[in-house]
N, C-alpha and C. Protein backbone atom coordinates (compact mmCIF):
# COMPACT_ATOMS: atom_id res chain seq x y z
N MET A 1 27.11 -20.67 -41.83
CA MET A 1 28.12 -20.68 -40.80
C MET A 1 28.84 -19.36 -40.72
N ARG A 2 28.97 -18.70 -41.87
CA ARG A 2 29.69 -17.45 -41.90
C ARG A 2 29.03 -16.37 -41.05
N GLY A 3 27.72 -16.30 -41.01
CA GLY A 3 27.01 -15.26 -40.26
C GLY A 3 27.06 -15.48 -38.76
N LYS A 4 27.30 -16.70 -38.29
CA LYS A 4 27.29 -17.00 -36.87
C LYS A 4 28.63 -16.74 -36.20
N PHE A 5 29.70 -16.68 -36.92
CA PHE A 5 31.03 -16.52 -36.35
C PHE A 5 31.19 -15.21 -35.58
N PRO A 6 30.79 -14.04 -36.11
CA PRO A 6 30.96 -12.80 -35.35
C PRO A 6 30.16 -12.81 -34.04
N VAL A 7 29.03 -13.46 -34.02
CA VAL A 7 28.23 -13.52 -32.80
C VAL A 7 28.99 -14.30 -31.73
N LEU A 8 29.62 -15.41 -32.09
CA LEU A 8 30.39 -16.21 -31.15
C LEU A 8 31.60 -15.45 -30.63
N VAL A 9 32.23 -14.66 -31.49
CA VAL A 9 33.40 -13.89 -31.08
C VAL A 9 33.03 -12.92 -29.96
N PHE A 10 31.84 -12.34 -30.02
CA PHE A 10 31.42 -11.39 -28.99
C PHE A 10 30.84 -12.09 -27.77
N CYS A 11 30.25 -13.26 -27.92
CA CYS A 11 29.61 -13.96 -26.80
C CYS A 11 30.61 -14.66 -25.89
N ILE A 12 31.69 -15.19 -26.43
CA ILE A 12 32.66 -15.93 -25.62
C ILE A 12 33.28 -15.03 -24.54
N PRO A 13 33.75 -13.82 -24.86
CA PRO A 13 34.30 -12.98 -23.77
C PRO A 13 33.25 -12.64 -22.71
N LEU A 14 32.00 -12.46 -23.11
CA LEU A 14 30.96 -12.17 -22.13
C LEU A 14 30.73 -13.35 -21.21
N LEU A 15 30.75 -14.56 -21.77
CA LEU A 15 30.58 -15.75 -20.95
C LEU A 15 31.74 -15.93 -19.98
N LEU A 16 32.95 -15.66 -20.45
CA LEU A 16 34.12 -15.79 -19.59
C LEU A 16 34.12 -14.73 -18.49
N ALA A 17 33.65 -13.55 -18.80
CA ALA A 17 33.60 -12.48 -17.79
C ALA A 17 32.60 -12.82 -16.70
N GLY A 18 31.57 -13.57 -17.03
CA GLY A 18 30.57 -13.94 -16.05
C GLY A 18 31.02 -15.05 -15.12
N CYS A 19 32.07 -15.78 -15.52
CA CYS A 19 32.58 -16.85 -14.66
C CYS A 19 33.32 -16.21 -13.49
N GLU A 20 33.13 -16.77 -12.32
CA GLU A 20 33.73 -16.20 -11.12
C GLU A 20 35.01 -16.95 -10.79
N ASP A 21 36.06 -16.21 -10.44
CA ASP A 21 37.30 -16.82 -10.02
C ASP A 21 37.15 -17.21 -8.56
N GLN A 22 37.16 -18.51 -8.26
CA GLN A 22 36.90 -19.01 -6.92
C GLN A 22 37.93 -18.52 -5.91
N THR A 23 39.19 -18.44 -6.28
CA THR A 23 40.22 -18.01 -5.32
C THR A 23 40.04 -16.56 -4.94
N ALA A 24 39.64 -15.71 -5.87
CA ALA A 24 39.43 -14.29 -5.57
C ALA A 24 38.26 -14.13 -4.61
N SER A 25 37.19 -14.89 -4.78
CA SER A 25 36.04 -14.74 -3.89
C SER A 25 36.38 -15.26 -2.49
N ASP A 26 37.24 -16.29 -2.37
CA ASP A 26 37.67 -16.78 -1.06
C ASP A 26 38.47 -15.73 -0.32
N GLU A 27 39.34 -15.02 -1.05
CA GLU A 27 40.15 -13.97 -0.42
C GLU A 27 39.26 -12.83 0.08
N ILE A 28 38.26 -12.48 -0.69
CA ILE A 28 37.35 -11.40 -0.29
C ILE A 28 36.55 -11.81 0.94
N ALA A 29 36.13 -13.06 1.02
CA ALA A 29 35.34 -13.53 2.14
C ALA A 29 36.16 -13.53 3.43
N ASP A 30 37.49 -13.76 3.35
CA ASP A 30 38.34 -13.79 4.53
C ASP A 30 38.73 -12.41 5.04
N THR A 31 38.57 -11.37 4.22
CA THR A 31 38.96 -10.03 4.63
C THR A 31 37.97 -9.49 5.64
N PRO A 32 38.46 -8.90 6.74
CA PRO A 32 37.52 -8.34 7.73
C PRO A 32 36.79 -7.14 7.14
N ARG A 33 35.53 -7.04 7.47
CA ARG A 33 34.69 -5.96 6.97
C ARG A 33 34.61 -4.87 8.03
N LEU A 34 34.84 -3.61 7.63
CA LEU A 34 34.75 -2.49 8.55
C LEU A 34 33.30 -2.09 8.73
N GLU A 35 32.90 -1.79 9.96
CA GLU A 35 31.52 -1.38 10.22
C GLU A 35 31.40 0.12 10.04
N SER A 36 30.26 0.52 9.53
CA SER A 36 29.98 1.96 9.45
C SER A 36 29.53 2.42 10.83
N PRO A 37 29.58 3.74 11.11
CA PRO A 37 29.15 4.24 12.42
C PRO A 37 27.72 3.85 12.77
N GLU A 38 26.83 3.77 11.76
CA GLU A 38 25.44 3.40 12.03
C GLU A 38 25.34 1.96 12.50
N GLU A 39 26.19 1.07 11.95
CA GLU A 39 26.13 -0.33 12.32
C GLU A 39 26.72 -0.58 13.70
N SER A 40 27.68 0.24 14.12
CA SER A 40 28.33 0.02 15.40
C SER A 40 27.47 0.48 16.58
N ARG A 41 26.47 1.36 16.33
CA ARG A 41 25.57 1.80 17.39
C ARG A 41 24.56 0.72 17.70
N PRO A 42 24.20 0.58 18.97
CA PRO A 42 23.16 -0.41 19.28
C PRO A 42 21.83 0.04 18.68
N ALA A 43 21.03 -0.91 18.31
CA ALA A 43 19.73 -0.59 17.72
C ALA A 43 18.83 0.05 18.76
N GLN A 44 18.10 1.09 18.32
CA GLN A 44 17.19 1.78 19.22
C GLN A 44 15.85 1.07 19.22
N PRO A 45 15.30 0.76 20.39
CA PRO A 45 14.02 0.07 20.42
C PRO A 45 12.91 0.89 19.77
N LEU A 46 11.97 0.20 19.16
CA LEU A 46 10.85 0.90 18.54
C LEU A 46 10.04 1.65 19.59
N GLY A 47 9.58 2.83 19.20
CA GLY A 47 8.75 3.62 20.12
C GLY A 47 9.54 4.50 21.06
N SER A 48 10.87 4.36 21.09
CA SER A 48 11.64 5.24 21.97
C SER A 48 12.05 6.48 21.19
N ALA A 49 12.13 7.58 21.89
CA ALA A 49 12.44 8.86 21.26
C ALA A 49 13.93 8.97 21.02
N PRO A 50 14.34 9.67 19.95
CA PRO A 50 15.76 9.89 19.72
C PRO A 50 16.32 10.82 20.80
N GLU A 51 17.63 10.84 20.91
CA GLU A 51 18.27 11.67 21.92
C GLU A 51 17.95 13.14 21.68
N GLN A 52 17.54 13.84 22.73
CA GLN A 52 17.16 15.24 22.62
C GLN A 52 18.34 16.14 22.95
N ILE A 53 18.37 17.27 22.29
CA ILE A 53 19.33 18.31 22.63
C ILE A 53 18.51 19.46 23.18
N GLY A 54 18.90 19.96 24.34
CA GLY A 54 18.19 21.09 24.91
C GLY A 54 17.21 20.67 25.98
N THR A 55 16.32 21.59 26.28
CA THR A 55 15.34 21.38 27.33
C THR A 55 14.45 20.17 27.02
N PRO A 56 14.23 19.29 27.99
CA PRO A 56 13.31 18.16 27.74
C PRO A 56 11.91 18.68 27.37
N MET A 57 11.21 17.92 26.56
CA MET A 57 9.92 18.35 26.03
C MET A 57 8.94 18.75 27.12
N GLU A 58 8.87 17.99 28.21
CA GLU A 58 7.89 18.28 29.25
C GLU A 58 8.18 19.58 30.00
N GLU A 59 9.40 20.13 29.87
CA GLU A 59 9.74 21.37 30.56
C GLU A 59 9.63 22.60 29.67
N ARG A 60 9.30 22.43 28.41
CA ARG A 60 9.19 23.57 27.49
C ARG A 60 7.85 24.26 27.69
N VAL A 61 7.82 25.54 27.35
CA VAL A 61 6.58 26.32 27.47
C VAL A 61 6.38 27.10 26.18
N ALA A 62 5.22 26.90 25.57
CA ALA A 62 4.89 27.61 24.33
C ALA A 62 3.92 28.73 24.64
N THR A 63 4.10 29.83 23.93
CA THR A 63 3.15 30.94 23.99
C THR A 63 2.33 30.89 22.70
N ILE A 64 1.04 30.70 22.84
CA ILE A 64 0.12 30.58 21.71
C ILE A 64 -0.85 31.75 21.75
N GLY A 65 -0.99 32.43 20.63
CA GLY A 65 -1.94 33.54 20.54
C GLY A 65 -3.27 33.06 20.00
N VAL A 66 -4.36 33.54 20.61
CA VAL A 66 -5.71 33.21 20.17
C VAL A 66 -6.46 34.52 19.96
N LEU A 67 -7.07 34.68 18.80
CA LEU A 67 -7.82 35.89 18.49
C LEU A 67 -9.27 35.53 18.18
N ASN A 68 -10.20 36.20 18.85
CA ASN A 68 -11.61 36.09 18.53
C ASN A 68 -11.91 37.22 17.56
N LYS A 69 -12.20 36.89 16.30
CA LYS A 69 -12.39 37.91 15.26
C LYS A 69 -13.72 38.66 15.42
N ARG A 70 -14.66 38.11 16.14
CA ARG A 70 -15.96 38.78 16.33
C ARG A 70 -15.83 40.00 17.22
N ASN A 71 -15.11 39.86 18.34
CA ASN A 71 -15.00 40.98 19.27
C ASN A 71 -13.59 41.56 19.34
N ASN A 72 -12.68 41.08 18.47
CA ASN A 72 -11.31 41.58 18.38
C ASN A 72 -10.55 41.47 19.70
N VAL A 73 -10.80 40.40 20.45
CA VAL A 73 -10.09 40.17 21.70
C VAL A 73 -9.06 39.07 21.47
N SER A 74 -7.81 39.39 21.80
CA SER A 74 -6.78 38.37 21.68
C SER A 74 -6.24 38.03 23.07
N GLN A 75 -5.76 36.81 23.19
CA GLN A 75 -5.24 36.35 24.47
C GLN A 75 -4.05 35.44 24.20
N ASP A 76 -3.03 35.55 25.07
CA ASP A 76 -1.87 34.68 24.98
C ASP A 76 -2.03 33.54 25.98
N LEU A 77 -1.79 32.32 25.50
CA LEU A 77 -1.86 31.14 26.36
C LEU A 77 -0.45 30.61 26.58
N GLN A 78 -0.12 30.31 27.82
CA GLN A 78 1.16 29.69 28.17
C GLN A 78 0.88 28.21 28.42
N LEU A 79 1.36 27.34 27.52
CA LEU A 79 1.06 25.91 27.62
C LEU A 79 2.34 25.08 27.59
N SER A 80 2.35 24.02 28.39
CA SER A 80 3.39 23.01 28.32
C SER A 80 2.84 21.85 27.50
N PRO A 81 3.71 21.03 26.90
CA PRO A 81 3.20 19.90 26.12
C PRO A 81 2.27 19.01 26.94
N GLY A 82 1.11 18.72 26.36
CA GLY A 82 0.09 17.92 27.03
C GLY A 82 -0.99 18.76 27.69
N ASP A 83 -0.74 20.08 27.85
CA ASP A 83 -1.72 20.97 28.48
C ASP A 83 -2.75 21.46 27.48
N SER A 84 -3.96 21.74 27.99
CA SER A 84 -5.04 22.33 27.20
C SER A 84 -5.57 23.53 27.95
N GLU A 85 -6.03 24.51 27.19
CA GLU A 85 -6.67 25.66 27.80
C GLU A 85 -7.84 26.09 26.92
N GLN A 86 -8.92 26.45 27.60
CA GLN A 86 -10.14 26.84 26.91
C GLN A 86 -10.33 28.35 27.05
N VAL A 87 -10.61 28.99 25.92
CA VAL A 87 -10.91 30.42 25.89
C VAL A 87 -12.24 30.56 25.16
N GLY A 88 -13.29 30.82 25.90
CA GLY A 88 -14.61 30.90 25.28
C GLY A 88 -15.00 29.55 24.70
N ASP A 89 -15.28 29.54 23.40
CA ASP A 89 -15.70 28.31 22.72
C ASP A 89 -14.56 27.64 21.95
N VAL A 90 -13.33 28.00 22.25
CA VAL A 90 -12.18 27.38 21.58
C VAL A 90 -11.27 26.74 22.64
N GLU A 91 -10.76 25.56 22.32
CA GLU A 91 -9.85 24.87 23.21
C GLU A 91 -8.57 24.57 22.44
N VAL A 92 -7.42 24.95 23.01
CA VAL A 92 -6.12 24.74 22.38
C VAL A 92 -5.34 23.73 23.23
N THR A 93 -4.82 22.70 22.57
CA THR A 93 -4.00 21.68 23.23
C THR A 93 -2.62 21.69 22.58
N LEU A 94 -1.58 21.79 23.40
CA LEU A 94 -0.22 21.77 22.89
C LEU A 94 0.34 20.36 23.03
N GLN A 95 0.87 19.82 21.94
CA GLN A 95 1.50 18.50 21.97
C GLN A 95 3.03 18.61 22.04
N ALA A 96 3.60 19.60 21.36
CA ALA A 96 5.06 19.77 21.34
C ALA A 96 5.39 21.18 20.89
N CYS A 97 6.57 21.64 21.28
CA CYS A 97 7.08 22.89 20.73
C CYS A 97 8.58 22.76 20.53
N GLU A 98 9.08 23.41 19.51
CA GLU A 98 10.49 23.34 19.13
C GLU A 98 10.94 24.70 18.64
N ARG A 99 12.25 24.92 18.74
CA ARG A 99 12.86 26.06 18.05
C ARG A 99 14.26 25.64 17.66
N THR A 100 14.78 26.28 16.63
CA THR A 100 16.11 25.91 16.16
C THR A 100 17.16 26.36 17.16
N PRO A 101 18.25 25.61 17.27
CA PRO A 101 19.34 26.03 18.16
C PRO A 101 19.92 27.37 17.69
N PRO A 102 20.57 28.09 18.58
CA PRO A 102 21.09 29.42 18.21
C PRO A 102 22.13 29.37 17.11
N TRP A 103 22.79 28.24 16.90
CA TRP A 103 23.84 28.15 15.89
C TRP A 103 23.31 27.77 14.52
N GLU A 104 22.02 27.50 14.39
CA GLU A 104 21.44 27.14 13.09
C GLU A 104 20.70 28.33 12.49
N MET A 105 20.77 28.41 11.19
CA MET A 105 20.04 29.43 10.44
C MET A 105 19.18 28.74 9.41
N PRO A 106 18.04 29.19 9.05
CA PRO A 106 17.32 30.32 9.60
C PRO A 106 16.66 29.95 10.92
N LYS A 107 16.41 30.96 11.73
CA LYS A 107 15.75 30.76 13.02
C LYS A 107 14.28 30.40 12.77
N GLU A 108 13.80 29.41 13.50
CA GLU A 108 12.40 29.00 13.35
C GLU A 108 11.87 28.51 14.69
N THR A 109 10.63 28.83 14.95
CA THR A 109 9.93 28.37 16.14
C THR A 109 8.64 27.74 15.69
N GLY A 110 8.33 26.57 16.26
CA GLY A 110 7.11 25.88 15.86
C GLY A 110 6.47 25.17 17.03
N ALA A 111 5.19 24.89 16.89
CA ALA A 111 4.45 24.17 17.92
C ALA A 111 3.43 23.28 17.24
N PHE A 112 3.29 22.07 17.78
CA PHE A 112 2.26 21.16 17.29
C PHE A 112 1.05 21.34 18.19
N VAL A 113 -0.02 21.88 17.62
CA VAL A 113 -1.22 22.18 18.40
C VAL A 113 -2.44 21.49 17.80
N GLN A 114 -3.42 21.31 18.67
CA GLN A 114 -4.73 20.83 18.25
C GLN A 114 -5.75 21.85 18.72
N VAL A 115 -6.59 22.28 17.80
CA VAL A 115 -7.59 23.30 18.10
C VAL A 115 -8.97 22.69 17.93
N SER A 116 -9.79 22.83 18.98
CA SER A 116 -11.17 22.33 18.95
C SER A 116 -12.11 23.49 19.24
N VAL A 117 -13.26 23.49 18.59
CA VAL A 117 -14.24 24.57 18.74
C VAL A 117 -15.59 23.96 19.09
N ARG A 118 -16.29 24.64 19.98
CA ARG A 118 -17.65 24.23 20.33
C ARG A 118 -18.61 25.13 19.56
N ASP A 119 -19.45 24.51 18.75
CA ASP A 119 -20.44 25.28 17.98
C ASP A 119 -21.55 25.75 18.90
N ARG A 120 -22.19 26.83 18.50
CA ARG A 120 -23.27 27.42 19.28
C ARG A 120 -24.38 26.40 19.53
N GLY A 121 -24.76 26.27 20.78
CA GLY A 121 -25.85 25.37 21.13
C GLY A 121 -25.42 23.92 21.33
N GLU A 122 -24.13 23.62 21.22
CA GLU A 122 -23.68 22.24 21.39
C GLU A 122 -22.80 22.13 22.63
N ASP A 123 -22.72 20.92 23.18
CA ASP A 123 -21.90 20.69 24.38
C ASP A 123 -20.51 20.19 24.05
N ASP A 124 -20.36 19.48 22.94
CA ASP A 124 -19.08 18.86 22.59
C ASP A 124 -18.23 19.77 21.71
N PHE A 125 -16.91 19.60 21.85
CA PHE A 125 -15.96 20.32 21.00
C PHE A 125 -15.66 19.45 19.78
N SER A 126 -15.48 20.07 18.64
CA SER A 126 -15.06 19.33 17.44
C SER A 126 -13.72 19.89 16.98
N GLN A 127 -12.81 18.99 16.65
CA GLN A 127 -11.47 19.40 16.27
C GLN A 127 -11.48 20.02 14.88
N ILE A 128 -10.89 21.22 14.76
CA ILE A 128 -10.83 21.90 13.47
C ILE A 128 -9.41 21.95 12.92
N PHE A 129 -8.41 21.68 13.78
CA PHE A 129 -7.02 21.74 13.32
C PHE A 129 -6.15 20.85 14.19
N SER A 130 -5.20 20.18 13.56
CA SER A 130 -4.19 19.39 14.25
C SER A 130 -2.94 19.42 13.38
N GLY A 131 -1.89 20.09 13.86
CA GLY A 131 -0.67 20.16 13.06
C GLY A 131 0.32 21.16 13.61
N TRP A 132 1.40 21.35 12.85
CA TRP A 132 2.45 22.29 13.24
C TRP A 132 2.12 23.70 12.78
N LEU A 133 2.33 24.65 13.66
CA LEU A 133 2.24 26.06 13.34
C LEU A 133 3.63 26.65 13.49
N PHE A 134 4.03 27.53 12.57
CA PHE A 134 5.37 28.11 12.59
C PHE A 134 5.30 29.63 12.72
N LYS A 135 6.12 30.16 13.63
CA LYS A 135 6.12 31.59 13.91
C LYS A 135 6.54 32.40 12.68
N ASN A 136 7.63 32.01 12.03
CA ASN A 136 8.16 32.80 10.92
C ASN A 136 7.51 32.47 9.58
N SER A 137 6.70 31.45 9.53
CA SER A 137 6.00 31.08 8.30
C SER A 137 4.53 30.81 8.62
N PRO A 138 3.79 31.82 9.05
CA PRO A 138 2.40 31.57 9.47
C PRO A 138 1.50 31.08 8.34
N SER A 139 1.84 31.39 7.11
CA SER A 139 0.97 30.95 6.00
C SER A 139 1.26 29.52 5.57
N LEU A 140 2.31 28.90 6.11
CA LEU A 140 2.65 27.53 5.76
C LEU A 140 1.58 26.55 6.21
N ASN A 141 1.06 26.76 7.42
CA ASN A 141 0.01 25.92 7.97
C ASN A 141 -0.91 26.85 8.76
N VAL A 142 -2.14 26.94 8.38
CA VAL A 142 -3.04 27.95 8.94
C VAL A 142 -4.25 27.29 9.59
N VAL A 143 -4.65 27.82 10.76
CA VAL A 143 -5.91 27.40 11.37
C VAL A 143 -7.00 28.19 10.65
N GLU A 144 -7.81 27.49 9.87
CA GLU A 144 -8.86 28.15 9.09
C GLU A 144 -10.19 28.04 9.83
N HIS A 145 -10.61 29.15 10.40
CA HIS A 145 -11.89 29.20 11.08
C HIS A 145 -12.45 30.61 10.95
N PRO A 146 -13.77 30.76 10.75
CA PRO A 146 -14.32 32.11 10.55
C PRO A 146 -14.28 32.99 11.80
N ILE A 147 -14.20 32.41 13.00
CA ILE A 147 -14.24 33.21 14.22
C ILE A 147 -12.88 33.29 14.92
N TYR A 148 -12.15 32.17 14.96
CA TYR A 148 -10.92 32.13 15.74
C TYR A 148 -9.67 32.03 14.87
N ASP A 149 -8.64 32.71 15.32
CA ASP A 149 -7.32 32.63 14.71
C ASP A 149 -6.35 32.20 15.79
N VAL A 150 -5.49 31.23 15.49
CA VAL A 150 -4.54 30.70 16.47
C VAL A 150 -3.15 30.70 15.82
N TRP A 151 -2.14 31.15 16.53
CA TRP A 151 -0.78 31.18 16.01
C TRP A 151 0.21 30.99 17.14
N VAL A 152 1.42 30.55 16.79
CA VAL A 152 2.48 30.35 17.78
C VAL A 152 3.31 31.63 17.88
N LYS A 153 3.64 32.01 19.12
CA LYS A 153 4.44 33.20 19.35
C LYS A 153 5.85 32.87 19.81
N ASP A 154 5.99 31.82 20.64
CA ASP A 154 7.30 31.49 21.18
C ASP A 154 7.31 30.07 21.72
N CYS A 155 8.50 29.53 21.85
CA CYS A 155 8.72 28.25 22.53
C CYS A 155 9.90 28.46 23.46
N ALA A 156 9.63 28.52 24.75
CA ALA A 156 10.68 28.76 25.74
C ALA A 156 11.42 27.46 26.02
N MET A 157 12.67 27.42 25.58
CA MET A 157 13.55 26.28 25.83
C MET A 157 14.97 26.76 25.69
N SER A 158 15.91 25.98 26.20
CA SER A 158 17.32 26.39 26.09
C SER A 158 18.15 25.23 25.56
N PHE A 159 19.34 25.56 25.08
CA PHE A 159 20.28 24.60 24.53
C PHE A 159 21.59 24.66 25.28
N PRO A 160 22.37 23.58 25.29
CA PRO A 160 23.65 23.59 25.97
C PRO A 160 24.56 24.68 25.39
N GLY A 161 25.19 25.45 26.26
CA GLY A 161 26.09 26.51 25.82
C GLY A 161 25.39 27.82 25.51
N GLU A 162 24.07 27.83 25.57
CA GLU A 162 23.33 29.05 25.29
C GLU A 162 23.26 29.91 26.54
N GLU A 163 23.45 31.18 26.38
CA GLU A 163 23.44 32.07 27.55
C GLU A 163 22.15 32.83 27.66
C-alpha cells in the first residue's frame, strides 16, 4: 500500500483537471464569435479566377524570342494569351504572361509558353516544353533543344496608377 500512495497523489489532480466545468462551457457557448476576414467573404466558386490587378489576361501581349541555332537567325514573336505562331519547324503558344507591379521588388517578367517542334520528315509537331519562362532568371526554366532556343523578352501590361 505504501508504494501506491504517491501515484494516487499525482493522479487525482490530473483527473480533476480533466473534468469540465459545465457552467464555464455554457458561458463560452453563449459568447458571440467574431468572424475572420476570410470567413466574412463569400465563397468563390470553383474554377473561377481570383480578382486580377492590372490589364486583363486576354489584353496582354508577350514578346517571345526564338533563335534557330543552325543558321543564327532570331525572331521576336508578339503573342497574346491563346495565340500560336510558327517559325520554321517550331511553334510557340502563349498561355499567359505576367510581370510584377511597379511597386514590388525584385522586378520579374514571366510567360507560360508551350513549344512544339516538327522533326525532319514528319507532319506532326511534338511538344518539347510547357512551363513558365522568366526574363530575369532564364536558367530557372530552360527550353532544352539542340536547334531552337526560346525565351521571354517582355509582357506588355499596365497596373492602376502606373504612368
